[in-house]
Amino acid sequence: MVDGSQFHAWVQEKAIVDGLVQVYKPYGIPSTALVEMYKKITSKKVGHGGTLDPLAEGALLLGIGAGTKLLTKYLASEKRYRAEILIGASSFSGDLELPIELSPSQVNFPEGRVKEILIELSAGFTQELPAFNASKQNGKTAYSLIRDGKTAEKRFVETKLLEWKLIQNKVLSASNLVELLSLKRKKLKDSFERFVEIGSDVNYRAQKYEFLLTKWEQSLLASTQVVAEAKCTFLLTEIEVLVPKGTYIRSLAQDIATRLGAKGLLIGLCRI
């Protein structure tokens, strides 16, 4: 996998041939931005094997030149993710792209309840796609319709957890969560600055995405301010899952929260 620290050497070696290359999509950088950058570098057709949400990070498979024809198989394949789910709050986007709304609830659930839910979901379940999703309706993506002030129809998929691992359950105070959100803001800023630096080395103008950085920083700041005034606790659940094509981890966060009798959202996601 080509990550940011290896990117310069990779470009200098001109290891640019038709085929597939797995790169590390940084936090806060749109998948389309990486595709654009590689098009700039290679002067070839470039596509990806399944988009990652902007505030997700991790493995992104790129097809270069004739390699784009090899992406179809990967698009239909299973994907593995590590996810951080916050129980006791929600957002319209299902992640930190939009400000958090508090929904205080009991977070001291019976020991083993999250494991029970993961076992239940392994048997199969119906998942409602998040309002912000890339499925197309009349030629437009659902999130484009919503941003235009229109209503996107609800869509559902049948899915299941093929594999799962519960990494941790941790109760967070409001101050703990404020600190975590502050770290997310710093990570977002550092990631974008690094991306701009790499872009300048290959004559790619990454600054055009600065408006997104500003938007997400403002959202994280608003979330931090809301949480700072809270007098409740939250549950942070970290899991690793293997899921079929078409499974939305933002929706999975809410699926788990709902079964706990609470609201939830995704605050961290890495494809591995």
C-alpha atoms as a PDB file:
ATOM      1  CA  MET A   1       0.000   0.000   0.000  1.00  0.00           C
ATOM      2  CA  VAL A   2       1.347   3.434  -0.935  1.00  0.00           C
ATOM      3  CA  ASP A   3       0.901   5.839   1.990  1.00  0.00           C
ATOM      4  CA  GLY A   4       1.768   9.518   2.238  1.00  0.00           C
ATOM      5  CA  SER A   5       5.346   8.957   3.403  1.00  0.00           C
ATOM      6  CA  GLN A   6       6.058   6.662   0.442  1.00  0.00           C
ATOM      7  CA  PHE A   7       4.254   8.761  -2.141  1.00  0.00           C
ATOM      8  CA  HIS A   8       7.192  10.953  -3.179  1.00  0.00           C
ATOM      9  CA  ALA A   9       9.481   7.975  -3.776  1.00  0.00           C
ATOM     10  CA  TRP A  10       6.752   6.147  -5.664  1.00  0.00           C
ATOM     11  CA  VAL A  11       6.306   9.098  -8.021  1.00  0.00           C
ATOM     12  CA  GLN A  12      10.031   9.646  -8.479  1.00  0.00           C
ATOM     13  CA  GLU A  13      10.552   6.004  -9.402  1.00  0.00           C
ATOM     14  CA  LYS A  14       7.796   6.431 -12.011  1.00  0.00           C
ATOM     15  CA  ALA A  15       6.290   3.118 -10.936  1.00  0.00           C
ATOM     16  CA  ILE A  16       3.331   4.012 -13.098  1.00  0.00           C
ATOM     17  CA  VAL A  17       2.073   1.108 -15.165  1.00  0.00           C
ATOM     18  CA  ASP A  18      -1.355  -0.106 -16.155  1.00  0.00           C
ATOM     19  CA  GLY A  19      -2.761  -2.199 -13.342  1.00  0.00           C
ATOM     20  CA  LEU A  20      -3.910  -1.932  -9.739  1.00  0.00           C
ATOM     21  CA  VAL A  21      -2.329  -0.068  -6.850  1.00  0.00           C
ATOM     22  CA  GLN A  22      -3.653   0.031  -3.298  1.00  0.00           C
ATOM     23  CA  VAL A  23      -3.149   3.417  -1.663  1.00  0.00           C
ATOM     24  CA  TYR A  24      -3.932   4.783   1.768  1.00  0.00           C
ATOM     25  CA  LYS A  25      -6.721   7.363   1.645  1.00  0.00           C
ATOM     26  CA  PRO A  26      -6.022   9.944   4.338  1.00  0.00           C
ATOM     27  CA  TYR A  27      -8.594  11.186   6.828  1.00  0.00           C
ATOM     28  CA  GLY A  28     -10.581  14.122   5.453  1.00  0.00           C
ATOM     29  CA  ILE A  29      -9.517  13.706   1.820  1.00  0.00           C
ATOM     30  CA  PRO A  30     -12.269  12.754  -0.688  1.00  0.00           C
ATOM     31  CA  SER A  31     -11.688   9.562  -2.685  1.00  0.00           C
ATOM     32  CA  THR A  32     -12.219  11.578  -5.876  1.00  0.00           C
ATOM     33  CA  ALA A  33      -9.293  13.847  -4.937  1.00  0.00           C
ATOM     34  CA  LEU A  34      -6.911  10.889  -4.894  1.00  0.00           C
ATOM     35  CA  VAL A  35      -8.251   9.718  -8.256  1.00  0.00           C
ATOM     36  CA  GLU A  36      -7.685  13.207  -9.680  1.00  0.00           C
ATOM     37  CA  MET A  37      -4.148  13.318  -8.320  1.00  0.00           C
ATOM     38  CA  TYR A  38      -3.230   9.979  -9.861  1.00  0.00           C
ATOM     39  CA  LYS A  39      -4.719  11.062 -13.184  1.00  0.00           C
ATOM     40  CA  LYS A  40      -2.465  14.103 -13.012  1.00  0.00           C
ATOM     41  CA  ILE A  41       0.580  11.970 -12.275  1.00  0.00           C
ATOM     42  CA  THR A  42      -0.043   9.223 -14.815  1.00  0.00           C
ATOM     43  CA  SER A  43      -1.900  11.079 -17.595  1.00  0.00           C
ATOM     44  CA  LYS A  44      -3.992   7.917 -17.759  1.00  0.00           C
ATOM     45  CA  LYS A  45      -7.521   6.875 -16.944  1.00  0.00           C
ATOM     46  CA  VAL A  46      -7.872   6.180 -13.208  1.00  0.00           C
ATOM     47  CA  GLY A  47     -10.765   4.724 -11.212  1.00  0.00           C
ATOM     48  CA  HIS A  48     -11.255   3.331  -7.720  1.00  0.00           C
ATOM     49  CA  GLY A  49     -12.607   0.098  -6.324  1.00  0.00           C
ATOM     50  CA  GLY A  50     -15.196   1.556  -3.968  1.00  0.00           C
ATOM     51  CA  THR A  51     -15.384   5.021  -2.458  1.00  0.00           C
ATOM     52  CA  LEU A  52     -14.568   5.763   1.153  1.00  0.00           C
ATOM     53  CA  ASP A  53     -16.449   8.484   3.022  1.00  0.00           C
ATOM     54  CA  PRO A  54     -14.390  11.697   3.328  1.00  0.00           C
ATOM     55  CA  LEU A  55     -14.002  11.280   7.089  1.00  0.00           C
ATOM     56  CA  ALA A  56     -12.911   7.670   6.699  1.00  0.00           C
ATOM     57  CA  GLU A  57      -9.412   6.491   5.943  1.00  0.00           C
ATOM     58  CA  GLY A  58      -7.609   3.379   4.834  1.00  0.00           C
ATOM     59  CA  ALA A  59      -7.270   1.109   1.832  1.00  0.00           C
ATOM     60  CA  LEU A  60      -8.416   2.495  -1.520  1.00  0.00           C
ATOM     61  CA  LEU A  61      -7.757   0.357  -4.586  1.00  0.00           C
ATOM     62  CA  LEU A  62      -7.003   2.335  -7.744  1.00  0.00           C
ATOM     63  CA  GLY A  63      -7.110   1.029 -11.296  1.00  0.00           C
ATOM     64  CA  ILE A  64      -4.678   2.756 -13.659  1.00  0.00           C
ATOM     65  CA  GLY A  65      -5.094   2.643 -17.438  1.00  0.00           C
ATOM     66  CA  ALA A  66      -6.219  -0.828 -18.480  1.00  0.00           C
ATOM     67  CA  GLY A  67      -6.308  -1.671 -14.774  1.00  0.00           C
ATOM     68  CA  THR A  68      -9.672   0.089 -14.478  1.00  0.00           C
ATOM     69  CA  LYS A  69     -11.206  -2.967 -16.166  1.00  0.00           C
ATOM     70  CA  LEU A  70     -10.045  -5.088 -13.251  1.00  0.00           C
ATOM     71  CA  LEU A  71     -11.960  -3.073 -10.652  1.00  0.00           C
ATOM     72  CA  THR A  72     -15.369  -4.677 -11.227  1.00  0.00           C
ATOM     73  CA  LYS A  73     -14.466  -7.813  -9.294  1.00  0.00           C
ATOM     74  CA  TYR A  74     -13.166  -5.791  -6.362  1.00  0.00           C
ATOM     75  CA  LEU A  75     -16.243  -3.551  -6.303  1.00  0.00           C
ATOM     76  CA  ALA A  76     -18.363  -6.660  -5.666  1.00  0.00           C
ATOM     77  CA  SER A  77     -16.055  -8.069  -2.996  1.00  0.00           C
ATOM     78  CA  GLU A  78     -16.325  -8.146   0.782  1.00  0.00           C
ATOM     79  CA  LYS A  79     -14.712  -5.302   2.732  1.00  0.00           C
ATOM     80  CA  ARG A  80     -13.109  -5.211   6.181  1.00  0.00           C
ATOM     81  CA  TYR A  81     -13.411  -2.170   8.424  1.00  0.00           C
ATOM     82  CA  ARG A  82     -12.446  -0.979  11.866  1.00  0.00           C
ATOM     83  CA  ALA A  83     -15.113   1.360  13.223  1.00  0.00           C
ATOM     84  CA  GLU A  84     -15.527   3.663  16.217  1.00  0.00           C
ATOM     85  CA  ILE A  85     -19.180   4.070  17.174  1.00  0.00           C
ATOM     86  CA  LEU A  86     -20.421   6.687  19.617  1.00  0.00           C
ATOM     87  CA  ILE A  87     -23.587   5.766  21.514  1.00  0.00           C
ATOM     88  CA  GLY A  88     -25.617   8.603  23.044  1.00  0.00           C
ATOM     89  CA  ALA A  89     -25.503  11.089  20.173  1.00  0.00           C
ATOM     90  CA  SER A  90     -26.409  11.305  16.492  1.00  0.00           C
ATOM     91  CA  SER A  91     -26.011  13.440  13.376  1.00  0.00           C
ATOM     92  CA  PHE A  92     -27.979  13.767  10.143  1.00  0.00           C
ATOM     93  CA  SER A  93     -25.023  12.508   8.113  1.00  0.00           C
ATOM     94  CA  GLY A  94     -24.444   9.561  10.446  1.00  0.00           C
ATOM     95  CA  ASP A  95     -20.860  10.668  11.074  1.00  0.00           C
ATOM     96  CA  LEU A  96     -18.934  13.834  11.945  1.00  0.00           C
ATOM     97  CA  GLU A  97     -19.531  15.589   8.609  1.00  0.00           C
ATOM     98  CA  LEU A  98     -22.463  17.367  10.282  1.00  0.00           C
ATOM     99  CA  PRO A  99     -22.724  18.552  13.896  1.00  0.00           C
ATOM    100  CA  ILE A 100     -23.563  16.151  16.688  1.00  0.00           C
ATOM    101  CA  GLU A 101     -26.994  16.213  18.307  1.00  0.00           C
ATOM    102  CA  LEU A 102     -27.144  14.886  21.842  1.00  0.00           C
ATOM    103  CA  SER A 103     -29.593  12.145  22.714  1.00  0.00           C
ATOM    104  CA  PRO A 104     -28.718  11.309  26.319  1.00  0.00           C
ATOM    105  CA  SER A 105     -29.479   7.738  27.239  1.00  0.00           C
ATOM    106  CA  GLN A 106     -28.352   5.022  29.595  1.00  0.00           C
ATOM    107  CA  VAL A 107     -24.904   3.922  28.437  1.00  0.00           C
ATOM    108  CA  ASN A 108     -24.186   1.417  31.181  1.00  0.00           C
ATOM    109  CA  PHE A 109     -25.658  -1.477  29.247  1.00  0.00           C
ATOM    110  CA  PRO A 110     -25.588  -5.045  30.568  1.00  0.00           C
ATOM    111  CA  GLU A 111     -22.161  -6.582  30.078  1.00  0.00           C
ATOM    112  CA  GLY A 112     -22.110  -8.600  26.888  1.00  0.00           C
ATOM    113  CA  ARG A 113     -25.072  -6.823  25.248  1.00  0.00           C
ATOM    114  CA  VAL A 114     -23.002  -5.396  22.387  1.00  0.00           C
ATOM    115  CA  LYS A 115     -21.596  -8.875  21.705  1.00  0.00           C
ATOM    116  CA  GLU A 116     -25.132 -10.272  21.655  1.00  0.00           C
ATOM    117  CA  ILE A 117     -26.112  -7.657  19.062  1.00  0.00           C
ATOM    118  CA  LEU A 118     -23.115  -8.468  16.862  1.00  0.00           C
ATOM    119  CA  ILE A 119     -24.084 -12.140  16.983  1.00  0.00           C
ATOM    120  CA  GLU A 120     -27.670 -11.210  16.005  1.00  0.00           C
ATOM    121  CA  LEU A 121     -26.437  -9.137  13.056  1.00  0.00           C
ATOM    122  CA  SER A 122     -24.306 -12.050  11.874  1.00  0.00           C
ATOM    123  CA  ALA A 123     -27.521 -13.929  11.119  1.00  0.00           C
ATOM    124  CA  GLY A 124     -28.648 -11.249   8.655  1.00  0.00           C
ATOM    125  CA  PHE A 125     -30.675  -8.043   8.884  1.00  0.00           C
ATOM    126  CA  THR A 126     -32.320  -5.300   6.829  1.00  0.00           C
ATOM    127  CA  GLN A 127     -30.317  -2.094   6.754  1.00  0.00           C
ATOM    128  CA  GLU A 128     -31.637   1.350   5.844  1.00  0.00           C
ATOM    129  CA  LEU A 129     -29.127   3.324   3.815  1.00  0.00           C
ATOM    130  CA  PRO A 130     -28.028   6.616   5.410  1.00  0.00           C
ATOM    131  CA  ALA A 131     -29.568   9.797   3.999  1.00  0.00           C
ATOM    132  CA  PHE A 132     -26.112  10.798   2.749  1.00  0.00           C
ATOM    133  CA  ASN A 133     -25.218   7.995   0.343  1.00  0.00           C
ATOM    134  CA  ALA A 134     -23.886   7.546  -3.178  1.00  0.00           C
ATOM    135  CA  SER A 135     -26.822   5.581  -4.609  1.00  0.00           C
ATOM    136  CA  LYS A 136     -28.360   7.294  -7.626  1.00  0.00           C
ATOM    137  CA  GLN A 137     -31.976   8.370  -8.028  1.00  0.00           C
ATOM    138  CA  ASN A 138     -32.950   9.830 -11.402  1.00  0.00           C
ATOM    139  CA  GLY A 139     -29.295  10.313 -12.254  1.00  0.00           C
ATOM    140  CA  LYS A 140     -28.355  12.115  -9.032  1.00  0.00           C
ATOM    141  CA  THR A 141     -26.791  10.750  -5.876  1.00  0.00           C
ATOM    142  CA  ALA A 142     -28.901  10.818  -2.729  1.00  0.00           C
ATOM    143  CA  TYR A 143     -26.537  13.235  -0.993  1.00  0.00           C
ATOM    144  CA  SER A 144     -26.668  15.599  -4.001  1.00  0.00           C
ATOM    145  CA  LEU A 145     -30.464  15.657  -3.797  1.00  0.00           C
ATOM    146  CA  ILE A 146     -30.372  16.434  -0.079  1.00  0.00           C
ATOM    147  CA  ARG A 147     -27.809  19.208  -0.530  1.00  0.00           C
ATOM    148  CA  ASP A 148     -30.146  20.695  -3.170  1.00  0.00           C
ATOM    149  CA  GLY A 149     -32.953  20.734  -0.590  1.00  0.00           C
ATOM    150  CA  LYS A 150     -34.807  17.783  -2.113  1.00  0.00           C
ATOM    151  CA  THR A 151     -35.979  14.553  -0.533  1.00  0.00           C
ATOM    152  CA  ALA A 152     -34.259  11.288  -1.354  1.00  0.00           C
ATOM    153  CA  GLU A 153     -36.313   8.123  -1.164  1.00  0.00           C
ATOM    154  CA  LYS A 154     -35.440   5.651   1.574  1.00  0.00           C
ATOM    155  CA  ARG A 155     -33.561   2.590   0.433  1.00  0.00           C
ATOM    156  CA  PHE A 156     -32.859  -0.702   2.149  1.00  0.00           C
ATOM    157  CA  VAL A 157     -30.430  -3.576   1.676  1.00  0.00           C
ATOM    158  CA  GLU A 158     -30.218  -7.073   3.092  1.00  0.00           C
ATOM    159  CA  THR A 159     -26.847  -7.699   4.669  1.00  0.00           C
ATOM    160  CA  LYS A 160     -25.040  -9.404   7.544  1.00  0.00           C
ATOM    161  CA  LEU A 161     -21.781  -9.418   9.442  1.00  0.00           C
ATOM    162  CA  LEU A 162     -19.573 -12.089   7.886  1.00  0.00           C
ATOM    163  CA  GLU A 163     -16.984 -11.711  10.639  1.00  0.00           C
ATOM    164  CA  TRP A 164     -16.773  -9.451  13.656  1.00  0.00           C
ATOM    165  CA  LYS A 165     -14.545  -8.628  16.593  1.00  0.00           C
ATOM    166  CA  LEU A 166     -15.402  -6.397  19.532  1.00  0.00           C
ATOM    167  CA  ILE A 167     -12.236  -4.450  20.304  1.00  0.00           C
ATOM    168  CA  GLN A 168     -13.480  -2.338  23.195  1.00  0.00           C
ATOM    169  CA  ASN A 169     -16.419  -0.735  24.966  1.00  0.00           C
ATOM    170  CA  LYS A 170     -15.466   2.417  26.828  1.00  0.00           C
ATOM    171  CA  VAL A 171     -17.619   4.885  28.747  1.00  0.00           C
ATOM    172  CA  LEU A 172     -16.678   8.494  27.953  1.00  0.00           C
ATOM    173  CA  SER A 173     -17.411  11.580  29.993  1.00  0.00           C
ATOM    174  CA  ALA A 174     -18.279  14.801  28.172  1.00  0.00           C
ATOM    175  CA  SER A 175     -14.727  16.043  28.762  1.00  0.00           C
ATOM    176  CA  ASN A 176     -13.315  12.793  27.336  1.00  0.00           C
ATOM    177  CA  LEU A 177     -15.389  13.274  24.195  1.00  0.00           C
ATOM    178  CA  VAL A 178     -14.379  16.939  23.873  1.00  0.00           C
ATOM    179  CA  GLU A 179     -10.738  15.836  23.914  1.00  0.00           C
ATOM    180  CA  LEU A 180     -11.420  13.155  21.291  1.00  0.00           C
ATOM    181  CA  LEU A 181     -13.189  15.623  18.977  1.00  0.00           C
ATOM    182  CA  SER A 182     -10.324  18.090  19.378  1.00  0.00           C
ATOM    183  CA  LEU A 183      -7.915  15.370  18.252  1.00  0.00           C
ATOM    184  CA  LYS A 184     -10.128  14.723  15.221  1.00  0.00           C
ATOM    185  CA  ARG A 185      -9.933  18.417  14.283  1.00  0.00           C
ATOM    186  CA  LYS A 186      -6.143  18.376  14.543  1.00  0.00           C
ATOM    187  CA  LYS A 187      -5.949  15.188  12.490  1.00  0.00           C
ATOM    188  CA  LEU A 188      -8.157  16.744   9.815  1.00  0.00           C
ATOM    189  CA  LYS A 189      -5.994  19.853   9.561  1.00  0.00           C
ATOM    190  CA  ASP A 190      -2.701  17.927   9.559  1.00  0.00           C
ATOM    191  CA  SER A 191      -3.982  15.507   6.926  1.00  0.00           C
ATOM    192  CA  PHE A 192      -5.074  18.290   4.584  1.00  0.00           C
ATOM    193  CA  GLU A 193      -1.804  20.199   4.974  1.00  0.00           C
ATOM    194  CA  ARG A 194       0.125  17.041   4.089  1.00  0.00           C
ATOM    195  CA  PHE A 195      -2.109  16.424   1.066  1.00  0.00           C
ATOM    196  CA  VAL A 196      -1.538  19.968  -0.216  1.00  0.00           C
ATOM    197  CA  GLU A 197       2.214  19.496   0.224  1.00  0.00           C
ATOM    198  CA  ILE A 198       2.197  16.262  -1.783  1.00  0.00           C
ATOM    199  CA  GLY A 199      -0.061  17.835  -4.402  1.00  0.00           C
ATOM    200  CA  SER A 200       2.348  20.709  -4.954  1.00  0.00           C
ATOM    201  CA  ASP A 201       5.166  18.231  -5.622  1.00  0.00           C
ATOM    202  CA  VAL A 202       3.217  16.646  -8.485  1.00  0.00           C
ATOM    203  CA  ASN A 203       1.612  19.860  -9.792  1.00  0.00           C
ATOM    204  CA  TYR A 204      -1.840  19.042  -8.410  1.00  0.00           C
ATOM    205  CA  ARG A 205      -3.868  21.866  -6.860  1.00  0.00           C
ATOM    206  CA  ALA A 206      -5.272  20.214  -3.740  1.00  0.00           C
ATOM    207  CA  GLN A 207      -6.233  23.623  -2.292  1.00  0.00           C
ATOM    208  CA  LYS A 208      -9.472  23.517  -4.263  1.00  0.00           C
ATOM    209  CA  TYR A 209     -10.830  21.209  -1.558  1.00  0.00           C
ATOM    210  CA  GLU A 210     -10.101  23.702   1.212  1.00  0.00           C
ATOM    211  CA  PHE A 211     -13.794  24.647   1.423  1.00  0.00           C
ATOM    212  CA  LEU A 212     -14.515  21.096   2.590  1.00  0.00           C
ATOM    213  CA  LEU A 213     -11.820  21.318   5.241  1.00  0.00           C
ATOM    214  CA  THR A 214     -13.396  24.545   6.500  1.00  0.00           C
ATOM    215  CA  LYS A 215     -16.862  23.000   6.527  1.00  0.00           C
ATOM    216  CA  TRP A 216     -15.786  19.913   8.471  1.00  0.00           C
ATOM    217  CA  GLU A 217     -13.682  21.917  10.908  1.00  0.00           C
ATOM    218  CA  GLN A 218     -16.724  24.083  11.646  1.00  0.00           C
ATOM    219  CA  SER A 219     -18.857  20.976  12.122  1.00  0.00           C
ATOM    220  CA  LEU A 220     -16.342  19.459  14.532  1.00  0.00           C
ATOM    221  CA  LEU A 221     -16.072  22.749  16.426  1.00  0.00           C
ATOM    222  CA  ALA A 222     -19.874  22.957  16.719  1.00  0.00           C
ATOM    223  CA  SER A 223     -19.977  19.356  17.953  1.00  0.00           C
ATOM    224  CA  THR A 224     -17.266  20.097  20.507  1.00  0.00           C
ATOM    225  CA  GLN A 225     -19.219  23.076  21.842  1.00  0.00           C
ATOM    226  CA  VAL A 226     -22.410  21.011  22.165  1.00  0.00           C
ATOM    227  CA  VAL A 227     -20.633  18.205  24.003  1.00  0.00           C
ATOM    228  CA  ALA A 228     -18.770  20.630  26.297  1.00  0.00           C
ATOM    229  CA  GLU A 229     -22.124  21.708  27.763  1.00  0.00           C
ATOM    230  CA  ALA A 230     -23.404  18.145  28.190  1.00  0.00           C
ATOM    231  CA  LYS A 231     -23.945  16.579  31.577  1.00  0.00           C
ATOM    232  CA  CYS A 232     -24.085  12.987  30.415  1.00  0.00           C
ATOM    233  CA  THR A 233     -21.823  10.110  29.487  1.00  0.00           C
ATOM    234  CA  PHE A 234     -21.361   8.266  26.210  1.00  0.00           C
ATOM    235  CA  LEU A 235     -20.342   4.795  25.120  1.00  0.00           C
ATOM    236  CA  LEU A 236     -17.520   4.365  22.622  1.00  0.00           C
ATOM    237  CA  THR A 237     -17.682   0.989  20.911  1.00  0.00           C
ATOM    238  CA  GLU A 238     -14.827  -0.073  18.656  1.00  0.00           C
ATOM    239  CA  ILE A 239     -15.361  -3.041  16.356  1.00  0.00           C
ATOM    240  CA  GLU A 240     -13.766  -4.753  13.370  1.00  0.00           C
ATOM    241  CA  VAL A 241     -16.136  -6.267  10.801  1.00  0.00           C
ATOM    242  CA  LEU A 242     -16.083  -8.038   7.451  1.00  0.00           C
ATOM    243  CA  VAL A 243     -19.195  -7.175   5.434  1.00  0.00           C
ATOM    244  CA  PRO A 244     -20.646  -7.815   1.958  1.00  0.00           C
ATOM    245  CA  LYS A 245     -20.755  -5.243  -0.825  1.00  0.00           C
ATOM    246  CA  GLY A 246     -23.281  -2.468  -0.225  1.00  0.00           C
ATOM    247  CA  THR A 247     -23.108  -2.469   3.577  1.00  0.00           C
ATOM    248  CA  TYR A 248     -22.929   1.020   5.079  1.00  0.00           C
ATOM    249  CA  ILE A 249     -20.927   1.260   8.287  1.00  0.00           C
ATOM    250  CA  ARG A 250     -22.592   4.591   9.144  1.00  0.00           C
ATOM    251  CA  SER A 251     -25.890   2.711   9.109  1.00  0.00           C
ATOM    252  CA  LEU A 252     -24.364  -0.166  11.068  1.00  0.00           C
ATOM    253  CA  ALA A 253     -23.506   2.308  13.827  1.00  0.00           C
ATOM    254  CA  GLN A 254     -27.176   3.253  14.069  1.00  0.00           C
ATOM    255  CA  ASP A 255     -28.281  -0.390  13.754  1.00  0.00           C
ATOM    256  CA  ILE A 256     -26.232  -1.267  16.828  1.00  0.00           C
ATOM    257  CA  ALA A 257     -27.348   1.833  18.746  1.00  0.00           C
ATOM    258  CA  THR A 258     -31.024   1.182  17.986  1.00  0.00           C
ATOM    259  CA  ARG A 259     -30.759  -2.329  19.408  1.00  0.00           C
ATOM    260  CA  LEU A 260     -29.295  -0.757  22.534  1.00  0.00           C
ATOM    261  CA  GLY A 261     -32.312   1.553  22.729  1.00  0.00           C
ATOM    262  CA  ALA A 262     -30.200   4.602  21.926  1.00  0.00           C
ATOM    263  CA  LYS A 263     -28.932   6.849  19.134  1.00  0.00           C
ATOM    264  CA  GLY A 264     -25.492   6.472  17.622  1.00  0.00           C
ATOM    265  CA  LEU A 265     -23.111   7.695  14.969  1.00  0.00           C
ATOM    266  CA  LEU A 266     -19.824   6.744  13.386  1.00  0.00           C
ATOM    267  CA  ILE A 267     -16.882   8.824  14.600  1.00  0.00           C
ATOM    268  CA  GLY A 268     -14.020   6.823  13.106  1.00  0.00           C
ATOM    269  CA  LEU A 269     -13.669   4.417  10.184  1.00  0.00           C
ATOM    270  CA  CYS A 270     -10.701   2.681   8.597  1.00  0.00           C
ATOM    271  CA  ARG A 271     -10.864   0.183   5.729  1.00  0.00           C
ATOM    272  CA  ILE A 272      -8.203  -2.472   6.208  1.00  0.00           C
END
